[in-house]
Amino acid sequence: MQKLTNKEEEVMKMLWRLERAFVKDILAQFGEDKPHYNTLSTMIRNLEDKGYVGHTTYGNTHQYYPVVAKEEYRKRFIHNAITDYFNNSYKGLVSFFAEEDKISVEELKEIVKQLEEKR
């Protein structure tokens, strides 16, 4: 599965939220920096070419829907980030967040507890 650009990922988040949508429905989800209708339409077709989106045809228009579940994408995204930035080390990822004060000792204890309960 090909990597998404930031804008493509933004569109996918909207489509996951909407579940099924026409281009105009997705366009309505944007704030002030709305892309042009044709630009968004091209982006969605690119997502379809990459295997993330499917469509149903109604006359001359298409209703789009995600083919890849958000959870599946999230797992792949996290795996790639850990591989690319943390030498394939989940410990390295957790250490990074601890060093950056993004995770507390209490949260780490909860994670350890969850791991112990799974065993």
Protein backbone atom coordinates (compact mmCIF):
# COMPACT_ATOMS: atom_id res chain seq x y z
CA MET A 1 0.00 0.00 0.00
CA GLN A 2 1.41 3.37 -1.03
CA LYS A 3 2.15 6.12 1.47
CA LEU A 4 -0.30 9.03 1.61
CA THR A 5 0.56 12.70 1.35
CA ASN A 6 -0.56 14.95 4.21
CA LYS A 7 -3.49 16.26 2.14
CA GLU A 8 -4.52 12.74 1.09
CA GLU A 9 -4.44 11.67 4.71
CA GLU A 10 -6.60 14.67 5.63
CA VAL A 11 -9.14 13.65 2.97
CA MET A 12 -9.11 10.06 4.22
CA LYS A 13 -9.84 11.23 7.77
CA MET A 14 -12.86 13.09 6.42
CA LEU A 15 -14.01 10.09 4.42
CA TRP A 16 -13.60 7.74 7.39
CA ARG A 17 -15.76 10.13 9.39
CA LEU A 18 -18.40 10.47 6.65
CA GLU A 19 -18.23 6.78 5.59
CA ARG A 20 -19.73 7.52 2.13
CA ALA A 21 -19.56 10.89 0.40
CA PHE A 22 -19.66 12.79 -2.85
CA VAL A 23 -16.82 15.23 -3.62
CA LYS A 24 -19.06 18.15 -2.58
CA ASP A 25 -19.65 16.50 0.81
CA ILE A 26 -15.92 16.16 1.41
CA LEU A 27 -15.31 19.70 0.19
CA ALA A 28 -17.82 20.95 2.78
CA GLN A 29 -15.62 19.43 5.54
CA PHE A 30 -12.72 21.79 4.79
CA GLY A 31 -12.24 25.05 6.68
CA GLU A 32 -10.96 28.25 5.12
CA ASP A 33 -8.28 26.60 2.99
CA LYS A 34 -10.65 24.63 0.76
CA PRO A 35 -9.08 23.14 -2.32
CA HIS A 36 -10.73 23.72 -5.67
CA TYR A 37 -13.42 21.14 -6.49
CA ASN A 38 -11.38 19.71 -9.39
CA THR A 39 -8.24 19.49 -7.22
CA LEU A 40 -10.14 17.55 -4.56
CA SER A 41 -11.71 15.31 -7.18
CA THR A 42 -8.24 14.49 -8.56
CA MET A 43 -6.95 13.81 -5.06
CA ILE A 44 -9.80 11.37 -4.42
CA ARG A 45 -9.18 9.60 -7.72
CA ASN A 46 -5.50 9.30 -6.72
CA LEU A 47 -6.61 7.75 -3.42
CA GLU A 48 -8.68 5.31 -5.45
CA ASP A 49 -5.67 4.48 -7.65
CA LYS A 50 -3.62 3.85 -4.50
CA GLY A 51 -6.27 1.41 -3.25
CA TYR A 52 -7.64 3.46 -0.34
CA VAL A 53 -10.99 4.48 -1.83
CA GLY A 54 -13.74 2.88 -3.88
CA HIS A 55 -16.80 4.41 -5.49
CA THR A 56 -20.36 3.77 -6.52
CA THR A 57 -21.54 5.45 -9.71
CA TYR A 58 -24.84 7.33 -9.83
CA GLY A 59 -25.31 8.68 -13.35
CA ASN A 60 -22.46 11.12 -13.94
CA THR A 61 -21.34 11.34 -10.33
CA HIS A 62 -19.50 9.09 -7.90
CA GLN A 63 -20.05 8.44 -4.23
CA TYR A 64 -16.77 7.52 -2.56
CA TYR A 65 -16.12 5.26 0.41
CA PRO A 66 -12.99 4.06 2.21
CA VAL A 67 -11.69 0.64 1.21
CA VAL A 68 -8.96 0.69 3.87
CA ALA A 69 -10.20 0.87 7.46
CA LYS A 70 -8.84 3.64 9.66
CA GLU A 71 -7.51 1.04 12.13
CA GLU A 72 -5.61 -0.79 9.37
CA TYR A 73 -4.07 2.47 8.17
CA ARG A 74 -3.17 3.46 11.75
CA LYS A 75 -1.36 0.15 12.33
CA ARG A 76 0.59 0.51 9.10
CA PHE A 77 1.40 4.17 9.81
CA ILE A 78 2.68 3.41 13.33
CA HIS A 79 4.67 0.40 12.12
CA ASN A 80 6.33 2.51 9.40
CA ALA A 81 7.11 5.33 11.84
CA ILE A 82 8.71 2.90 14.30
CA THR A 83 10.71 1.27 11.51
CA ASP A 84 11.82 4.57 9.94
CA TYR A 85 12.47 6.68 13.05
CA PHE A 86 13.08 4.31 15.97
CA ASN A 87 15.16 1.49 14.42
CA ASN A 88 12.18 -0.85 14.67
CA SER A 89 12.16 -0.42 18.47
CA TYR A 90 8.89 0.06 20.30
CA LYS A 91 10.96 0.70 23.40
CA GLY A 92 12.66 3.53 21.51
CA LEU A 93 9.25 5.02 20.71
CA VAL A 94 8.11 4.92 24.34
CA SER A 95 11.47 6.31 25.51
CA PHE A 96 11.12 9.17 23.06
CA PHE A 97 7.72 10.12 24.49
CA ALA A 98 9.04 9.81 28.05
CA GLU A 99 12.02 12.06 27.28
CA GLU A 100 9.75 14.62 25.64
CA ASP A 101 7.43 14.57 28.70
CA LYS A 102 4.56 13.36 26.49
CA ILE A 103 3.81 10.34 28.68
CA SER A 104 3.60 10.21 32.46
CA VAL A 105 4.86 7.57 34.87
CA GLU A 106 1.23 6.74 35.66
CA GLU A 107 0.50 6.15 31.97
CA LEU A 108 3.57 3.94 31.67
CA LYS A 109 2.41 1.92 34.68
CA GLU A 110 -1.01 1.51 33.01
CA ILE A 111 0.68 0.22 29.86
CA VAL A 112 2.75 -2.28 31.87
CA LYS A 113 -0.40 -3.41 33.67
CA GLN A 114 -2.20 -3.92 30.34
CA LEU A 115 0.73 -5.96 29.03
CA GLU A 116 0.81 -8.11 32.15
CA GLU A 117 -2.95 -8.72 31.95
CA LYS A 118 -2.62 -9.92 28.34
CA ARG A 119 -0.11 -12.61 29.36
